[in-house]
Amino acid sequence: MELTGMARTIIARTYLPVEIFFAVGMFYLVMTFVLVQGFRLLEKLLRVDASQGR
């Protein structure tokens, strides 16, 4: 089950929707930040300069 679905299951048991969705949102934010930074690094490593003519 994906993260939002698991959050809904936890909310059904605990009745704390704001806290659970906040935690899930923060997890998505951190996960996205890490992926973006990783792809930026990969882009720098695989960059081809315009002066090389490729």
PDB file of N, CA and C in Angstrom:
ATOM      1  N   MET A   1       0.852  -1.178   0.000  1.00  0.00           N
ATOM      2  CA  MET A   1       0.000   0.000   0.000  1.00  0.00           C
ATOM      3  C   MET A   1       0.896   1.239   0.000  1.00  0.00           C
ATOM      4  N   GLU A   2       0.480   2.259  -0.729  1.00  0.00           N
ATOM      5  CA  GLU A   2       1.283   3.469  -0.806  1.00  0.00           C
ATOM      6  C   GLU A   2       1.140   4.308   0.463  1.00  0.00           C
ATOM      7  N   LEU A   3       1.957   5.330   0.560  1.00  0.00           N
ATOM      8  CA  LEU A   3       2.083   6.108   1.796  1.00  0.00           C
ATOM      9  C   LEU A   3       0.784   6.799   2.207  1.00  0.00           C
ATOM     10  N   THR A   4       0.080   7.401   1.254  1.00  0.00           N
ATOM     11  CA  THR A   4      -1.168   8.087   1.586  1.00  0.00           C
ATOM     12  C   THR A   4      -2.227   7.094   2.047  1.00  0.00           C
ATOM     13  N   GLY A   5      -2.275   5.944   1.435  1.00  0.00           N
ATOM     14  CA  GLY A   5      -3.222   4.911   1.855  1.00  0.00           C
ATOM     15  C   GLY A   5      -2.934   4.425   3.264  1.00  0.00           C
ATOM     16  N   MET A   6      -1.659   4.267   3.578  1.00  0.00           N
ATOM     17  CA  MET A   6      -1.299   3.866   4.941  1.00  0.00           C
ATOM     18  C   MET A   6      -1.655   4.963   5.933  1.00  0.00           C
ATOM     19  N   ALA A   7      -1.491   6.222   5.523  1.00  0.00           N
ATOM     20  CA  ALA A   7      -1.859   7.339   6.399  1.00  0.00           C
ATOM     21  C   ALA A   7      -3.350   7.306   6.698  1.00  0.00           C
ATOM     22  N   ARG A   8      -4.167   7.025   5.697  1.00  0.00           N
ATOM     23  CA  ARG A   8      -5.618   6.952   5.915  1.00  0.00           C
ATOM     24  C   ARG A   8      -5.977   5.821   6.876  1.00  0.00           C
ATOM     25  N   THR A   9      -5.267   4.709   6.777  1.00  0.00           N
ATOM     26  CA  THR A   9      -5.508   3.599   7.700  1.00  0.00           C
ATOM     27  C   THR A   9      -5.159   4.004   9.128  1.00  0.00           C
ATOM     28  N   ILE A  10      -4.039   4.675   9.304  1.00  0.00           N
ATOM     29  CA  ILE A  10      -3.630   5.127  10.638  1.00  0.00           C
ATOM     30  C   ILE A  10      -4.617   6.156  11.175  1.00  0.00           C
ATOM     31  N   ILE A  11      -5.087   7.055  10.304  1.00  0.00           N
ATOM     32  CA  ILE A  11      -6.057   8.065  10.726  1.00  0.00           C
ATOM     33  C   ILE A  11      -7.347   7.406  11.192  1.00  0.00           C
ATOM     34  N   ALA A  12      -7.775   6.359  10.503  1.00  0.00           N
ATOM     35  CA  ALA A  12      -8.994   5.656  10.899  1.00  0.00           C
ATOM     36  C   ALA A  12      -8.854   5.044  12.289  1.00  0.00           C
ATOM     37  N   ARG A  13      -7.656   4.683  12.663  1.00  0.00           N
ATOM     38  CA  ARG A  13      -7.436   4.080  13.988  1.00  0.00           C
ATOM     39  C   ARG A  13      -7.190   5.113  15.078  1.00  0.00           C
ATOM     40  N   THR A  14      -6.549   6.234  14.730  1.00  0.00           N
ATOM     41  CA  THR A  14      -6.124   7.185  15.763  1.00  0.00           C
ATOM     42  C   THR A  14      -6.934   8.471  15.816  1.00  0.00           C
ATOM     43  N   TYR A  15      -7.687   8.784  14.754  1.00  0.00           N
ATOM     44  CA  TYR A  15      -8.472  10.027  14.671  1.00  0.00           C
ATOM     45  C   TYR A  15      -7.589  11.268  14.823  1.00  0.00           C
ATOM     46  N   LEU A  16      -6.410  11.245  14.227  1.00  0.00           N
ATOM     47  CA  LEU A  16      -5.491  12.387  14.247  1.00  0.00           C
ATOM     48  C   LEU A  16      -5.105  12.759  12.807  1.00  0.00           C
ATOM     49  N   PRO A  17      -6.058  13.258  12.019  1.00  0.00           N
ATOM     50  CA  PRO A  17      -5.754  13.480  10.594  1.00  0.00           C
ATOM     51  C   PRO A  17      -4.702  14.556  10.337  1.00  0.00           C
ATOM     52  N   VAL A  18      -4.738  15.646  11.086  1.00  0.00           N
ATOM     53  CA  VAL A  18      -3.795  16.737  10.827  1.00  0.00           C
ATOM     54  C   VAL A  18      -2.365  16.281  11.086  1.00  0.00           C
ATOM     55  N   GLU A  19      -2.145  15.630  12.198  1.00  0.00           N
ATOM     56  CA  GLU A  19      -0.799  15.192  12.556  1.00  0.00           C
ATOM     57  C   GLU A  19      -0.262  14.150  11.575  1.00  0.00           C
ATOM     58  N   ILE A  20      -1.119  13.215  11.188  1.00  0.00           N
ATOM     59  CA  ILE A  20      -0.684  12.146  10.287  1.00  0.00           C
ATOM     60  C   ILE A  20      -0.384  12.707   8.897  1.00  0.00           C
ATOM     61  N   PHE A  21      -1.300  13.526   8.359  1.00  0.00           N
ATOM     62  CA  PHE A  21      -1.058  14.088   7.030  1.00  0.00           C
ATOM     63  C   PHE A  21       0.119  15.052   7.032  1.00  0.00           C
ATOM     64  N   PHE A  22       0.358  15.739   8.129  1.00  0.00           N
ATOM     65  CA  PHE A  22       1.536  16.602   8.233  1.00  0.00           C
ATOM     66  C   PHE A  22       2.807  15.757   8.158  1.00  0.00           C
ATOM     67  N   ALA A  23       2.843  14.659   8.898  1.00  0.00           N
ATOM     68  CA  ALA A  23       4.019  13.784   8.887  1.00  0.00           C
ATOM     69  C   ALA A  23       4.243  13.189   7.497  1.00  0.00           C
ATOM     70  N   VAL A  24       3.176  12.754   6.847  1.00  0.00           N
ATOM     71  CA  VAL A  24       3.293  12.190   5.501  1.00  0.00           C
ATOM     72  C   VAL A  24       3.760  13.262   4.517  1.00  0.00           C
ATOM     73  N   GLY A  25       3.221  14.461   4.644  1.00  0.00           N
ATOM     74  CA  GLY A  25       3.641  15.559   3.776  1.00  0.00           C
ATOM     75  C   GLY A  25       5.109  15.897   3.953  1.00  0.00           C
ATOM     76  N   MET A  26       5.575  15.894   5.191  1.00  0.00           N
ATOM     77  CA  MET A  26       6.987  16.163   5.449  1.00  0.00           C
ATOM     78  C   MET A  26       7.865  15.057   4.860  1.00  0.00           C
ATOM     79  N   PHE A  27       7.405  13.814   4.968  1.00  0.00           N
ATOM     80  CA  PHE A  27       8.161  12.704   4.388  1.00  0.00           C
ATOM     81  C   PHE A  27       8.268  12.867   2.873  1.00  0.00           C
ATOM     82  N   TYR A  28       7.145  13.205   2.209  1.00  0.00           N
ATOM     83  CA  TYR A  28       7.173  13.439   0.766  1.00  0.00           C
ATOM     84  C   TYR A  28       8.107  14.596   0.420  1.00  0.00           C
ATOM     85  N   LEU A  29       8.086  15.652   1.221  1.00  0.00           N
ATOM     86  CA  LEU A  29       8.943  16.811   0.975  1.00  0.00           C
ATOM     87  C   LEU A  29      10.420  16.431   1.068  1.00  0.00           C
ATOM     88  N   VAL A  30      10.787  15.693   2.096  1.00  0.00           N
ATOM     89  CA  VAL A  30      12.181  15.259   2.270  1.00  0.00           C
ATOM     90  C   VAL A  30      12.591  14.317   1.140  1.00  0.00           C
ATOM     91  N   MET A  31      11.707  13.387   0.795  1.00  0.00           N
ATOM     92  CA  MET A  31      12.007  12.435  -0.267  1.00  0.00           C
ATOM     93  C   MET A  31      12.221  13.169  -1.599  1.00  0.00           C
ATOM     94  N   THR A  32      11.373  14.142  -1.897  1.00  0.00           N
ATOM     95  CA  THR A  32      11.508  14.914  -3.129  1.00  0.00           C
ATOM     96  C   THR A  32      12.783  15.738  -3.125  1.00  0.00           C
ATOM     97  N   PHE A  33      13.104  16.353  -1.993  1.00  0.00           N
ATOM     98  CA  PHE A  33      14.322  17.157  -1.889  1.00  0.00           C
ATOM     99  C   PHE A  33      15.555  16.300  -2.153  1.00  0.00           C
ATOM    100  N   VAL A  34      15.611  15.125  -1.558  1.00  0.00           N
ATOM    101  CA  VAL A  34      16.760  14.229  -1.746  1.00  0.00           C
ATOM    102  C   VAL A  34      16.871  13.806  -3.213  1.00  0.00           C
ATOM    103  N   LEU A  35      15.750  13.467  -3.836  1.00  0.00           N
ATOM    104  CA  LEU A  35      15.789  13.062  -5.242  1.00  0.00           C
ATOM    105  C   LEU A  35      16.235  14.205  -6.152  1.00  0.00           C
ATOM    106  N   VAL A  36      15.739  15.409  -5.909  1.00  0.00           N
ATOM    107  CA  VAL A  36      16.127  16.558  -6.728  1.00  0.00           C
ATOM    108  C   VAL A  36      17.616  16.833  -6.585  1.00  0.00           C
ATOM    109  N   GLN A  37      18.125  16.795  -5.365  1.00  0.00           N
ATOM    110  CA  GLN A  37      19.553  17.035  -5.155  1.00  0.00           C
ATOM    111  C   GLN A  37      20.388  15.939  -5.815  1.00  0.00           C
ATOM    112  N   GLY A  38      19.923  14.707  -5.742  1.00  0.00           N
ATOM    113  CA  GLY A  38      20.632  13.610  -6.391  1.00  0.00           C
ATOM    114  C   GLY A  38      20.696  13.772  -7.900  1.00  0.00           C
ATOM    115  N   PHE A  39      19.587  14.180  -8.499  1.00  0.00           N
ATOM    116  CA  PHE A  39      19.581  14.385  -9.946  1.00  0.00           C
ATOM    117  C   PHE A  39      20.399  15.602 -10.351  1.00  0.00           C
ATOM    118  N   ARG A  40      20.450  16.628  -9.508  1.00  0.00           N
ATOM    119  CA  ARG A  40      21.320  17.779  -9.800  1.00  0.00           C
ATOM    120  C   ARG A  40      22.784  17.348  -9.818  1.00  0.00           C
ATOM    121  N   LEU A  41      23.169  16.527  -8.848  1.00  0.00           N
ATOM    122  CA  LEU A  41      24.537  16.024  -8.805  1.00  0.00           C
ATOM    123  C   LEU A  41      24.833  15.160 -10.024  1.00  0.00           C
ATOM    124  N   LEU A  42      23.901  14.292 -10.368  1.00  0.00           N
ATOM    125  CA  LEU A  42      24.073  13.441 -11.541  1.00  0.00           C
ATOM    126  C   LEU A  42      24.195  14.278 -12.810  1.00  0.00           C
ATOM    127  N   GLU A  43      23.398  15.333 -12.903  1.00  0.00           N
ATOM    128  CA  GLU A  43      23.469  16.215 -14.065  1.00  0.00           C
ATOM    129  C   GLU A  43      24.823  16.913 -14.152  1.00  0.00           C
ATOM    130  N   LYS A  44      25.361  17.329 -13.011  1.00  0.00           N
ATOM    131  CA  LYS A  44      26.687  17.958 -13.012  1.00  0.00           C
ATOM    132  C   LYS A  44      27.766  16.962 -13.424  1.00  0.00           C
ATOM    133  N   LEU A  45      27.660  15.736 -12.948  1.00  0.00           N
ATOM    134  CA  LEU A  45      28.667  14.727 -13.267  1.00  0.00           C
ATOM    135  C   LEU A  45      28.632  14.323 -14.739  1.00  0.00           C
ATOM    136  N   LEU A  46      27.460  14.331 -15.339  1.00  0.00           N
ATOM    137  CA  LEU A  46      27.320  13.884 -16.723  1.00  0.00           C
ATOM    138  C   LEU A  46      27.272  15.040 -17.717  1.00  0.00           C
ATOM    139  N   ARG A  47      27.544  16.235 -17.254  1.00  0.00           N
ATOM    140  CA  ARG A  47      27.452  17.427 -18.097  1.00  0.00           C
ATOM    141  C   ARG A  47      28.516  17.403 -19.186  1.00  0.00           C
ATOM    142  N   VAL A  48      28.121  17.858 -20.359  1.00  0.00           N
ATOM    143  CA  VAL A  48      29.051  18.005 -21.477  1.00  0.00           C
ATOM    144  C   VAL A  48      29.154  19.493 -21.766  1.00  0.00           C
ATOM    145  N   ASP A  49      30.372  20.016 -21.774  1.00  0.00           N
ATOM    146  CA  ASP A  49      30.580  21.435 -22.042  1.00  0.00           C
ATOM    147  C   ASP A  49      30.284  21.760 -23.501  1.00  0.00           C
ATOM    148  N   ALA A  50      29.772  22.960 -23.738  1.00  0.00           N
ATOM    149  CA  ALA A  50      29.487  23.409 -25.102  1.00  0.00           C
ATOM    150  C   ALA A  50      30.776  23.571 -25.903  1.00  0.00           C
ATOM    151  N   SER A  51      31.868  23.839 -25.224  1.00  0.00           N
ATOM    152  CA  SER A  51      33.146  24.030 -25.921  1.00  0.00           C
ATOM    153  C   SER A  51      33.696  22.725 -26.500  1.00  0.00           C
ATOM    154  N   GLN A  52      33.181  21.599 -26.048  1.00  0.00           N
ATOM    155  CA  GLN A  52      33.641  20.313 -26.571  1.00  0.00           C
ATOM    156  C   GLN A  52      32.974  19.976 -27.900  1.00  0.00           C
ATOM    157  N   GLY A  53      31.926  20.704 -28.249  1.00  0.00           N
ATOM    158  CA  GLY A  53      31.280  20.505 -29.539  1.00  0.00           C
ATOM    159  C   GLY A  53      30.390  19.285 -29.627  1.00  0.00           C
ATOM    160  N   ARG A  54      29.910  18.801 -28.521  1.00  0.00           N
ATOM    161  CA  ARG A  54      29.012  17.631 -28.564  1.00  0.00           C
ATOM    162  C   ARG A  54      27.595  18.054 -28.335  1.00  0.00           C
TER     163      ARG A  54
END
